[in-house]
């Protein structure tokens, strides 16, 4: 009985930490990508993007800081999901954690490209050898590399959600609707970013996939996070 109580306490603590981290991550993503990145980066217009970032350097720095917060939260969530789901299936829970940590490593590489882009937009003597047009082209190259590398990482992230969704649906203690949404979200991430990475010429298909999967992708993980925050671990998950 003592072991059961310790396991339940660990589950509750990990569920609470995962829920808080997922909410922080969601807010940071809306700010960094949904607000700052979308307003400063103009696809196909290196000149406008360069001047936007140069004139709003503090805002762009805040975006990068937001991505670092997201990366830290991903690492925390990988650990918390493993602890929470371990009683259901230890092997798959560990595999899911490694998938998320791998995604985090790819995201870290992507964030480096934002830092390089920020350096190129700053006024330093070291950049005097480049013309303005060259600086703009290089900065857009790094920004595009960020998008591409992050997109590759999200394929791996989709695999993580598939594993978590499967473990959740077999647990008997996590709401079925949340488990199903996680599975759908995993499929959505993988399909959208496989097309985005390897079939960029078919952007119409990618757009359709986004329309189909956006709601499950948002509601699935965020809903799981809210459930973990308020309900997760209060009752032991059947092994």
Protein backbone atom coordinates (compact mmCIF):
# COMPACT_ATOMS: atom_id res chain seq x y z
CA UNK A 1 0.00 0.00 0.00
CA UNK A 2 2.87 2.36 0.83
CA UNK A 3 4.37 1.82 -2.61
CA UNK A 4 1.01 2.53 -4.23
CA UNK A 5 0.69 5.81 -2.32
CA UNK A 6 4.23 6.85 -3.34
CA UNK A 7 3.50 6.03 -6.99
CA UNK A 8 0.24 8.00 -6.85
CA UNK A 9 2.04 10.97 -5.30
CA UNK A 10 4.66 10.84 -8.06
CA UNK A 11 1.89 10.66 -10.66
CA UNK A 12 0.10 13.68 -9.20
CA UNK A 13 3.28 15.73 -9.00
CA UNK A 14 4.35 14.84 -12.54
CA UNK A 15 0.83 15.52 -13.86
CA UNK A 16 0.77 18.94 -12.21
CA UNK A 17 4.24 19.84 -13.52
CA UNK A 18 3.34 18.62 -17.03
CA UNK A 19 0.09 20.61 -17.02
CA UNK A 20 1.78 23.84 -15.92
CA UNK A 21 4.60 23.36 -18.44
CA UNK A 22 2.17 22.71 -21.33
CA UNK A 23 0.20 25.86 -20.54
CA UNK A 24 3.38 27.96 -20.29
CA UNK A 25 4.59 26.43 -23.56
CA UNK A 26 1.29 27.21 -25.31
CA UNK A 27 1.34 30.85 -24.20
CA UNK A 28 5.00 31.21 -25.22
CA UNK A 29 4.28 29.66 -28.64
CA UNK A 30 1.36 32.01 -29.27
CA UNK A 31 3.61 34.96 -28.40
CA UNK A 32 6.83 33.91 -30.14
CA UNK A 33 5.44 32.34 -33.30
CA UNK A 34 1.83 33.47 -33.52
CA UNK A 35 2.49 37.13 -32.71
CA UNK A 36 6.15 38.20 -33.04
CA UNK A 37 7.37 35.89 -35.82
CA UNK A 38 4.20 36.35 -37.86
CA UNK A 39 4.39 40.14 -37.61
CA UNK A 40 8.13 40.60 -38.22
CA UNK A 41 8.94 37.94 -40.82
CA UNK A 42 7.46 38.62 -44.25
CA UNK A 43 7.81 35.51 -46.46
CA UNK A 44 9.58 36.29 -49.72
CA UNK A 45 10.44 39.87 -48.71
CA UNK A 46 13.98 39.97 -47.32
CA UNK A 47 14.14 43.76 -47.30
CA UNK A 48 10.97 44.26 -45.24
CA UNK A 49 11.88 41.43 -42.87
CA UNK A 50 15.39 42.80 -42.34
CA UNK A 51 14.12 46.26 -41.47
CA UNK A 52 11.33 44.87 -39.25
CA UNK A 53 13.81 42.88 -37.16
CA UNK A 54 16.38 45.67 -37.06
CA UNK A 55 13.79 48.24 -35.93
CA UNK A 56 12.19 45.82 -33.43
CA UNK A 57 15.28 44.11 -32.08
CA UNK A 58 13.96 43.89 -28.51
CA UNK A 59 10.77 42.25 -29.73
CA UNK A 60 12.76 39.74 -31.78
CA UNK A 61 14.96 39.05 -28.75
CA UNK A 62 11.77 38.37 -26.80
CA UNK A 63 10.73 35.87 -29.47
CA UNK A 64 14.02 34.01 -29.12
CA UNK A 65 13.63 34.02 -25.33
CA UNK A 66 10.13 32.59 -25.79
CA UNK A 67 11.54 29.73 -27.88
CA UNK A 68 14.09 28.99 -25.17
CA UNK A 69 11.25 28.77 -22.63
CA UNK A 70 9.42 26.38 -24.98
CA UNK A 71 12.54 24.22 -25.28
CA UNK A 72 12.96 24.03 -21.49
CA UNK A 73 9.28 23.17 -21.06
CA UNK A 74 9.59 20.40 -23.67
CA UNK A 75 12.38 18.80 -21.65
CA UNK A 76 10.31 19.05 -18.45
CA UNK A 77 7.23 17.60 -20.17
CA UNK A 78 9.24 14.68 -21.57
CA UNK A 79 10.25 13.75 -18.02
CA UNK A 80 6.79 14.39 -16.52
CA UNK A 81 4.96 12.35 -19.19
CA UNK A 82 7.35 9.46 -18.58
CA UNK A 83 6.76 9.47 -14.81
CA UNK A 84 3.00 9.83 -15.24
CA UNK A 85 2.55 7.13 -17.91
CA UNK A 86 5.23 4.70 -16.64
CA UNK A 87 2.74 2.60 -14.60
CA UNK A 88 0.74 1.93 -17.79
CA UNK A 89 3.60 0.97 -20.12
CA UNK A 90 7.17 1.61 -19.05
CA UNK A 91 8.81 0.85 -22.41
CA UNK A 92 6.47 3.00 -24.53
CA UNK A 93 6.54 5.82 -21.96
CA UNK A 94 10.33 5.86 -22.14
CA UNK A 95 10.24 5.75 -25.95
CA UNK A 96 7.79 8.65 -25.99
CA UNK A 97 10.09 10.64 -23.71
CA UNK A 98 13.06 10.02 -26.01
CA UNK A 99 11.00 11.13 -29.02
CA UNK A 100 10.18 14.41 -27.28
CA UNK A 101 13.77 14.95 -26.17
CA UNK A 102 14.92 14.32 -29.76
CA UNK A 103 12.40 16.88 -30.95
CA UNK A 104 13.77 19.28 -28.33
CA UNK A 105 17.30 18.82 -29.67
CA UNK A 106 16.10 19.60 -33.22
CA UNK A 107 14.21 22.65 -31.93
CA UNK A 108 17.40 23.83 -30.22
CA UNK A 109 19.24 23.69 -33.55
CA UNK A 110 16.39 25.63 -35.16
CA UNK A 111 16.59 28.33 -32.48
CA UNK A 112 20.29 28.82 -33.25
CA UNK A 113 19.26 29.97 -36.73
CA UNK A 114 17.10 32.70 -35.19
CA UNK A 115 20.11 33.84 -33.15
CA UNK A 116 22.25 33.93 -36.31
CA UNK A 117 19.53 35.95 -38.05
CA UNK A 118 19.46 38.36 -35.13
CA UNK A 119 23.24 38.85 -35.33
CA UNK A 120 23.03 39.58 -39.05
CA UNK A 121 20.43 42.28 -38.47
CA UNK A 122 22.53 44.07 -35.87
CA UNK A 123 24.90 46.90 -36.68
CA UNK A 124 28.45 45.77 -35.99
CA UNK A 125 31.81 46.48 -37.57
CA UNK A 126 32.27 42.78 -38.35
CA UNK A 127 29.37 42.94 -40.83
CA UNK A 128 30.83 45.87 -42.75
CA UNK A 129 32.28 43.52 -45.36
CA UNK A 130 28.77 42.57 -46.49
CA UNK A 131 26.43 44.70 -48.56
CA UNK A 132 22.94 45.34 -47.22
CA UNK A 133 21.48 43.03 -49.86
CA UNK A 134 23.84 40.23 -48.84
CA UNK A 135 22.95 40.67 -45.16
CA UNK A 136 19.25 40.54 -46.01
CA UNK A 137 19.68 37.39 -48.10
CA UNK A 138 21.73 35.66 -45.40
CA UNK A 139 19.25 36.60 -42.70
CA UNK A 140 16.35 35.19 -44.73
CA UNK A 141 18.39 32.03 -45.29
CA UNK A 142 18.70 31.53 -41.53
CA UNK A 143 15.02 32.32 -40.95
CA UNK A 144 14.02 29.82 -43.62
CA UNK A 145 16.40 27.27 -42.08
CA UNK A 146 14.64 27.81 -38.74
CA UNK A 147 11.27 27.01 -40.33
CA UNK A 148 12.58 23.94 -42.15
CA UNK A 149 14.50 22.46 -39.22
CA UNK A 150 11.60 23.08 -36.84
CA UNK A 151 9.26 21.43 -39.36
CA UNK A 152 11.48 18.33 -39.42
CA UNK A 153 11.41 18.31 -35.63
CA UNK A 154 7.61 18.43 -35.64
CA UNK A 155 7.52 15.17 -37.60
CA UNK A 156 9.31 13.59 -34.64
CA UNK A 157 6.96 15.43 -32.28
CA UNK A 158 4.02 13.85 -34.10
CA UNK A 159 5.53 10.43 -33.40
CA UNK A 160 5.78 11.39 -29.73
CA UNK A 161 2.07 12.28 -29.62
CA UNK A 162 1.14 8.99 -31.30
CA UNK A 163 2.99 7.08 -28.58
CA UNK A 164 1.49 9.18 -25.78
CA UNK A 165 -1.98 8.89 -27.31
CA UNK A 166 -1.69 5.11 -27.57
CA UNK A 167 -0.50 4.74 -23.98
CA UNK A 168 -3.26 7.11 -22.84
CA UNK A 169 -6.01 5.21 -24.65
CA UNK A 170 -4.87 1.90 -23.16
CA UNK A 171 -4.59 3.30 -19.64
CA UNK A 172 -8.26 3.19 -18.74
CA UNK A 173 -7.84 6.27 -16.56
CA UNK A 174 -7.40 9.07 -19.11
CA UNK A 175 -10.54 10.33 -20.92
CA UNK A 176 -10.94 8.59 -24.28
CA UNK A 177 -11.71 11.83 -26.11
CA UNK A 178 -8.37 13.32 -25.04
CA UNK A 179 -6.52 10.13 -26.02
CA UNK A 180 -8.17 10.10 -29.45
CA UNK A 181 -7.40 13.79 -30.00
CA UNK A 182 -3.74 13.12 -29.14
CA UNK A 183 -3.62 10.33 -31.73
CA UNK A 184 -5.27 12.55 -34.36
CA UNK A 185 -2.90 15.40 -33.48
CA UNK A 186 0.08 13.08 -33.88
CA UNK A 187 -1.08 12.02 -37.34
CA UNK A 188 -1.72 15.67 -38.21
CA UNK A 189 1.74 16.85 -37.20
CA UNK A 190 3.39 14.06 -39.17
CA UNK A 191 1.33 14.53 -42.36
CA UNK A 192 1.52 18.33 -42.40
CA UNK A 193 5.25 18.52 -41.78
CA UNK A 194 6.16 15.60 -44.03
CA UNK A 195 4.40 17.49 -46.83
CA UNK A 196 5.89 20.81 -45.75
CA UNK A 197 9.43 19.37 -45.66
CA UNK A 198 9.50 16.99 -48.61
CA UNK A 199 6.65 18.20 -50.86
CA UNK A 200 6.80 22.02 -50.60
CA UNK A 201 5.56 22.35 -54.18
CA UNK A 202 2.18 20.98 -53.08
CA UNK A 203 1.44 23.75 -50.61
CA UNK A 204 -2.28 23.45 -51.39
CA UNK A 205 -2.34 19.97 -49.85
CA UNK A 206 -0.49 21.26 -46.79
CA UNK A 207 -3.06 24.05 -46.40
CA UNK A 208 -5.93 21.56 -46.53
CA UNK A 209 -4.23 19.35 -43.95
CA UNK A 210 -3.81 22.34 -41.65
CA UNK A 211 -7.53 23.12 -41.91
CA UNK A 212 -8.37 19.50 -41.06
CA UNK A 213 -5.92 18.97 -38.19
CA UNK A 214 -5.40 22.40 -36.57
CA UNK A 215 -8.19 22.03 -34.01
CA UNK A 216 -7.20 18.50 -32.86
CA UNK A 217 -3.54 19.59 -32.76
CA UNK A 218 -4.34 22.50 -30.44
CA UNK A 219 -7.12 20.94 -28.37
CA UNK A 220 -5.44 17.54 -28.05
CA UNK A 221 -2.27 18.49 -26.20
CA UNK A 222 -3.70 21.58 -24.48
CA UNK A 223 -6.73 19.57 -23.34
CA UNK A 224 -4.41 16.87 -22.02
CA UNK A 225 -2.42 19.55 -20.22
CA UNK A 226 -5.53 20.97 -18.53
CA UNK A 227 -6.71 17.49 -17.56
CA UNK A 228 -3.27 16.70 -16.10
CA UNK A 229 -3.27 19.98 -14.18
CA UNK A 230 -6.67 19.53 -12.54
CA UNK A 231 -7.35 15.77 -12.60
CA UNK A 232 -4.17 13.85 -13.43
CA UNK A 233 -2.86 11.59 -10.69
CA UNK A 234 -5.69 12.24 -8.22
CA UNK A 235 -6.79 8.67 -8.88
CA UNK A 236 -4.22 5.99 -9.67
CA UNK A 237 -4.04 5.01 -13.35
CA UNK A 238 -4.62 1.26 -13.77
CA UNK A 239 -1.43 -0.56 -14.73
